[in-house]
Amino acid sequence: MKKYILLFLFCVTVAVGQTTINQYKYVILPAQFNFLKEKDQYRLNTLTKLLLEKYGFTSFFDTEELPATLINSNCDKLYADVVSTGNFTRTKLQVILKDCKRNVVYQTAIGTSKEKEYKVAYTQALRAAFQSFDTLQYHYALLPSNSEIQKSAESVKPTVILTETFDEKATMLYAQPIANGFQLVDATPKVVMKIFKTANSNSFSAVRGTTQGVLIMKENQWFFEYYQEEKLVSEKVNVKF
C-alpha cells in the first residue's frame, strides 16, 4: 500500500510541476552537494548540469559569474539540488527544483543503484532519477506575471501583427489529450500544435514546430501568440476541445 501511495504522490507532483516549471528557463545548482565532501566529487555536479541542459534548461553553477539579468532577478530562475537518502546497501538520489522562496516546483522519483563503487553508484542513481524528466515534457514558455501584465497595460503596447482569419471549418483543430495537456490536430489528422496546462485554465504554453508561445483565450476566442522579430504575432485559432 505504501508503494502505491508514493507512486500516486509522485504522479501528482509531475502534474503540478508541469503547470509552473515551463515558466523557468534558468537553473542554478551548487558546485558541491551537501552529501559529498568535495566540489564536483565523482563529477556528479557536472553530470547534473549536463543532464539539466539535455532536458532543455540553461544551467549555471552557483560559483559561476551569472548574466546581469539573473543577478538582478532571483525569482526568474530555479535552484537545483540532489539529495541522498541511501544506506550502505543501496545508493538513492533524488533531484529537487525549488523557486526563489524555496518552494518545491518539481522533484524526481528516487533513482537507485546497488553498485558498491561510489562513482558508478552515484552516476547510475542520478541518471535513473533524471528519467523522470522524460515524462515531464518541459518546454520553456514564459508566462507574464500579474505585475508584468499591469506594467504592460500602463506602458506603450507592443506592435501586434494580426494574421488573416481563414475559413473556420477548414482551420478547425481538434484537441486530443496527452500528458499534461493536448495535441491539436487538423482533419487529416496531422498534429499542428502541442499545448501544455498552466495554472490558468484560459492559458496554455504552446509549441508549434520550432515556435514557442502561448495559446490564450480572449473574448471567447483562442489566439496563438508569439514573438517574431521583436513583434508580437497573434493568430486566431479555432479549437474544439
Protein backbone atom coordinates (compact mmCIF):
# COMPACT_ATOMS: atom_id res chain seq x y z
CA MET A 1 0.00 0.00 0.00
CA LYS A 2 2.83 2.38 0.88
CA LYS A 3 4.38 1.78 -2.54
CA TYR A 4 1.15 2.79 -4.32
CA ILE A 5 0.75 5.90 -2.16
CA LEU A 6 4.28 7.04 -3.04
CA LEU A 7 3.62 6.38 -6.72
CA PHE A 8 0.40 8.42 -6.56
CA LEU A 9 2.17 11.33 -4.85
CA PHE A 10 4.89 11.29 -7.49
CA CYS A 11 2.33 11.41 -10.31
CA VAL A 12 0.61 14.37 -8.64
CA THR A 13 3.98 16.11 -8.33
CA VAL A 14 4.61 15.64 -12.05
CA ALA A 15 1.20 17.08 -12.97
CA VAL A 16 1.51 20.09 -10.65
CA GLY A 17 5.13 20.73 -11.63
CA GLN A 18 4.25 20.94 -15.31
CA THR A 19 1.89 23.89 -14.71
CA THR A 20 4.70 26.11 -13.43
CA ILE A 21 8.08 24.73 -14.49
CA ASN A 22 7.65 25.82 -18.11
CA GLN A 23 7.90 29.43 -16.92
CA TYR A 24 11.56 28.94 -15.95
CA LYS A 25 14.49 28.89 -18.34
CA TYR A 26 17.44 29.03 -15.94
CA VAL A 27 18.57 26.68 -13.17
CA ILE A 28 21.29 27.34 -10.59
CA LEU A 29 22.96 24.34 -8.94
CA PRO A 30 25.65 24.06 -6.28
CA ALA A 31 29.24 23.25 -7.17
CA GLN A 32 29.17 20.82 -4.24
CA PHE A 33 26.27 18.77 -2.94
CA ASN A 34 25.82 18.53 0.84
CA PHE A 35 26.24 14.74 0.96
CA LEU A 36 29.66 14.91 -0.74
CA LYS A 37 32.97 16.01 0.77
CA GLU A 38 34.44 17.82 -2.21
CA LYS A 39 33.35 20.12 -5.03
CA ASP A 40 32.14 18.15 -8.04
CA GLN A 41 33.15 14.89 -6.37
CA TYR A 42 32.78 11.93 -8.75
CA ARG A 43 31.93 14.60 -11.40
CA LEU A 44 28.37 14.38 -10.07
CA ASN A 45 27.70 18.13 -10.19
CA THR A 46 28.94 18.33 -13.76
CA LEU A 47 26.75 15.39 -14.74
CA THR A 48 23.73 17.06 -13.11
CA LYS A 49 24.41 20.26 -15.09
CA LEU A 50 24.73 18.34 -18.35
CA LEU A 51 21.54 16.39 -17.75
CA LEU A 52 19.59 19.58 -16.96
CA GLU A 53 20.80 21.06 -20.24
CA LYS A 54 19.90 17.83 -22.04
CA TYR A 55 16.28 18.37 -21.00
CA GLY A 56 16.22 22.00 -22.17
CA PHE A 57 17.28 24.10 -19.17
CA THR A 58 20.08 26.68 -19.19
CA SER A 59 22.10 25.89 -16.08
CA PHE A 60 24.85 27.58 -14.07
CA PHE A 61 26.92 26.61 -11.04
CA ASP A 62 26.48 28.92 -8.06
CA THR A 63 30.21 29.67 -8.32
CA GLU A 64 29.95 30.95 -11.91
CA GLU A 65 29.59 34.58 -12.94
CA LEU A 66 25.94 34.96 -13.86
CA PRO A 67 24.41 37.20 -16.57
CA ALA A 68 23.18 40.55 -15.25
CA THR A 69 19.54 39.61 -15.89
CA LEU A 70 19.85 36.67 -13.50
CA ILE A 71 21.74 38.56 -10.82
CA ASN A 72 19.09 41.28 -10.66
CA SER A 73 16.11 38.90 -10.51
CA ASN A 74 16.33 35.91 -8.20
CA CYS A 75 12.79 34.75 -8.91
CA ASP A 76 13.28 34.20 -12.63
CA LYS A 77 15.29 31.04 -12.03
CA LEU A 78 15.09 27.71 -10.26
CA TYR A 79 17.54 26.23 -7.77
CA ALA A 80 18.51 22.59 -8.21
CA ASP A 81 19.75 20.20 -5.57
CA VAL A 82 20.49 16.49 -5.38
CA VAL A 83 19.78 14.75 -2.09
CA SER A 84 20.94 11.35 -0.91
CA THR A 85 18.64 9.05 1.07
CA GLY A 86 20.55 5.79 0.62
CA ASN A 87 22.35 3.46 3.01
CA PHE A 88 25.26 1.01 2.96
CA THR A 89 23.45 -1.46 0.69
CA ARG A 90 21.86 0.90 -1.84
CA THR A 91 22.55 4.37 -3.23
CA LYS A 92 19.47 6.57 -3.58
CA LEU A 93 19.43 10.04 -5.16
CA GLN A 94 16.64 12.49 -5.90
CA VAL A 95 16.71 15.74 -7.91
CA ILE A 96 14.73 18.67 -6.49
CA LEU A 97 13.97 22.02 -8.15
CA LYS A 98 12.89 24.96 -5.95
CA ASP A 99 11.85 28.54 -6.66
CA CYS A 100 13.29 31.67 -5.03
CA LYS A 101 11.06 31.17 -1.98
CA ARG A 102 12.37 27.62 -1.54
CA ASN A 103 9.05 26.10 -2.57
CA VAL A 104 9.45 22.77 -4.35
CA VAL A 105 8.44 23.25 -8.00
CA TYR A 106 9.42 19.75 -9.12
CA GLN A 107 11.06 16.64 -7.72
CA THR A 108 12.00 13.44 -9.47
CA ALA A 109 11.43 9.87 -8.45
CA ILE A 110 14.27 8.40 -6.40
CA GLY A 111 16.99 6.84 -8.54
CA THR A 112 18.72 3.82 -7.05
CA SER A 113 21.83 1.70 -7.58
CA LYS A 114 23.22 -1.42 -5.87
CA GLU A 115 26.77 -0.88 -7.13
CA LYS A 116 29.46 -0.84 -4.44
CA GLU A 117 31.84 1.63 -6.10
CA TYR A 118 30.69 5.14 -5.23
CA LYS A 119 31.45 6.78 -8.59
CA VAL A 120 29.50 4.13 -10.50
CA ALA A 121 26.65 4.00 -7.97
CA TYR A 122 26.13 7.78 -7.84
CA THR A 123 26.24 8.05 -11.63
CA GLN A 124 23.69 5.25 -12.08
CA ALA A 125 21.36 6.58 -9.38
CA LEU A 126 21.47 10.14 -10.76
CA ARG A 127 20.72 9.03 -14.32
CA ALA A 128 17.86 6.88 -13.01
CA ALA A 129 16.41 9.89 -11.15
CA PHE A 130 16.64 12.06 -14.27
CA GLN A 131 14.47 9.58 -16.18
CA SER A 132 11.52 11.37 -14.52
CA PHE A 133 12.23 14.33 -16.84
CA ASP A 134 11.20 12.14 -19.78
CA THR A 135 7.58 12.33 -18.60
CA LEU A 136 7.80 15.99 -17.55
CA GLN A 137 7.83 17.23 -21.16
CA TYR A 138 9.46 20.52 -20.21
CA HIS A 139 9.06 23.34 -22.74
CA TYR A 140 10.17 26.83 -21.77
CA ALA A 141 7.36 29.31 -22.37
CA LEU A 142 7.49 32.44 -20.23
CA LEU A 143 4.08 33.46 -18.97
CA PRO A 144 3.65 37.04 -17.72
CA SER A 145 3.15 37.61 -14.02
CA ASN A 146 0.37 39.81 -12.66
CA SER A 147 2.80 42.66 -12.07
CA GLU A 148 4.14 42.41 -15.61
CA ILE A 149 0.62 42.48 -17.02
CA GLN A 150 -0.12 45.65 -15.05
CA LYS A 151 3.12 47.31 -16.21
CA SER A 152 2.36 46.35 -19.79
CA ALA A 153 -1.07 47.94 -19.59
CA GLU A 154 0.45 51.18 -18.32
CA SER A 155 3.18 51.33 -20.96
CA VAL A 156 3.17 51.57 -24.72
CA LYS A 157 1.68 48.43 -26.21
CA PRO A 158 3.94 46.35 -28.50
CA THR A 159 3.28 46.17 -32.22
CA VAL A 160 0.78 43.37 -32.77
CA ILE A 161 0.51 41.57 -36.08
CA LEU A 162 -2.94 40.06 -36.52
CA THR A 163 -2.96 37.28 -39.06
CA GLU A 164 -5.71 36.69 -41.59
CA THR A 165 -8.69 34.66 -40.38
CA PHE A 166 -9.32 31.71 -42.68
CA ASP A 167 -12.46 29.67 -43.18
CA GLU A 168 -13.44 28.32 -39.76
CA LYS A 169 -14.31 24.82 -40.97
CA ALA A 170 -11.04 24.43 -42.90
CA THR A 171 -8.88 25.52 -39.99
CA MET A 172 -10.68 23.76 -37.14
CA LEU A 173 -8.25 21.98 -34.81
CA TYR A 174 -9.30 19.15 -32.52
CA ALA A 175 -7.80 18.70 -29.05
CA GLN A 176 -6.54 15.23 -28.15
CA PRO A 177 -5.38 14.66 -24.55
CA ILE A 178 -1.68 13.99 -23.93
CA ALA A 179 0.36 14.06 -20.73
CA ASN A 180 -0.10 17.47 -19.07
CA GLY A 181 -2.02 18.98 -21.98
CA PHE A 182 -3.35 18.39 -25.51
CA GLN A 183 -2.16 17.96 -29.05
CA LEU A 184 -4.16 19.90 -31.64
CA VAL A 185 -4.78 18.04 -34.89
CA ASP A 186 -6.45 19.02 -38.14
CA ALA A 187 -8.91 16.93 -40.14
CA THR A 188 -6.12 14.92 -41.81
CA PRO A 189 -5.36 14.21 -38.89
CA LYS A 190 -1.99 15.96 -38.55
CA VAL A 191 -0.54 17.29 -35.29
CA VAL A 192 -0.37 21.06 -35.73
CA MET A 193 0.44 22.18 -32.20
CA LYS A 194 1.02 20.88 -28.68
CA ILE A 195 -0.27 22.84 -25.69
CA PHE A 196 0.54 22.34 -22.01
CA LYS A 197 -1.57 23.24 -18.98
CA THR A 198 -0.75 26.19 -16.73
CA ALA A 199 -2.31 27.43 -13.51
CA ASN A 200 -4.77 29.44 -15.64
CA SER A 201 -7.38 27.35 -17.47
CA ASN A 202 -7.63 30.05 -20.16
CA SER A 203 -3.91 29.96 -20.99
CA PHE A 204 -1.60 27.22 -22.24
CA SER A 205 2.08 27.22 -23.07
CA ALA A 206 2.21 26.19 -26.72
CA VAL A 207 4.68 24.76 -29.22
CA ARG A 208 4.12 24.75 -33.00
CA GLY A 209 7.10 23.31 -34.81
CA THR A 210 10.06 25.36 -33.56
CA THR A 211 7.88 28.28 -32.46
CA GLN A 212 7.10 28.62 -28.75
CA GLY A 213 4.40 30.88 -27.39
CA VAL A 214 1.08 30.82 -25.57
CA LEU A 215 -2.45 29.81 -26.52
CA ILE A 216 -4.71 32.25 -24.72
CA MET A 217 -8.47 32.88 -24.55
CA LYS A 218 -9.65 36.40 -25.44
CA GLU A 219 -13.34 37.26 -25.71
CA ASN A 220 -14.29 33.58 -26.07
CA GLN A 221 -11.77 33.02 -28.86
CA TRP A 222 -8.39 31.25 -28.75
CA PHE A 223 -5.25 33.03 -30.01
CA PHE A 224 -1.74 31.65 -30.52
CA GLU A 225 0.67 34.44 -29.59
CA TYR A 226 4.42 34.53 -30.03
CA TYR A 227 7.23 36.96 -30.85
CA GLN A 228 8.67 37.24 -34.35
CA GLU A 229 11.47 39.74 -34.98
CA GLU A 230 10.56 41.52 -31.72
CA LYS A 231 6.94 41.92 -32.81
CA LEU A 232 4.04 40.19 -31.11
CA VAL A 233 2.15 37.95 -33.51
CA SER A 234 -1.41 36.99 -32.57
CA GLU A 235 -3.09 34.28 -34.63
CA LYS A 236 -6.73 33.31 -34.23
CA VAL A 237 -7.04 29.56 -33.73
CA ASN A 238 -10.28 27.57 -33.90
CA VAL A 239 -10.08 24.77 -31.35
CA LYS A 240 -12.62 22.14 -30.41
CA PHE A 241 -11.93 20.52 -27.02
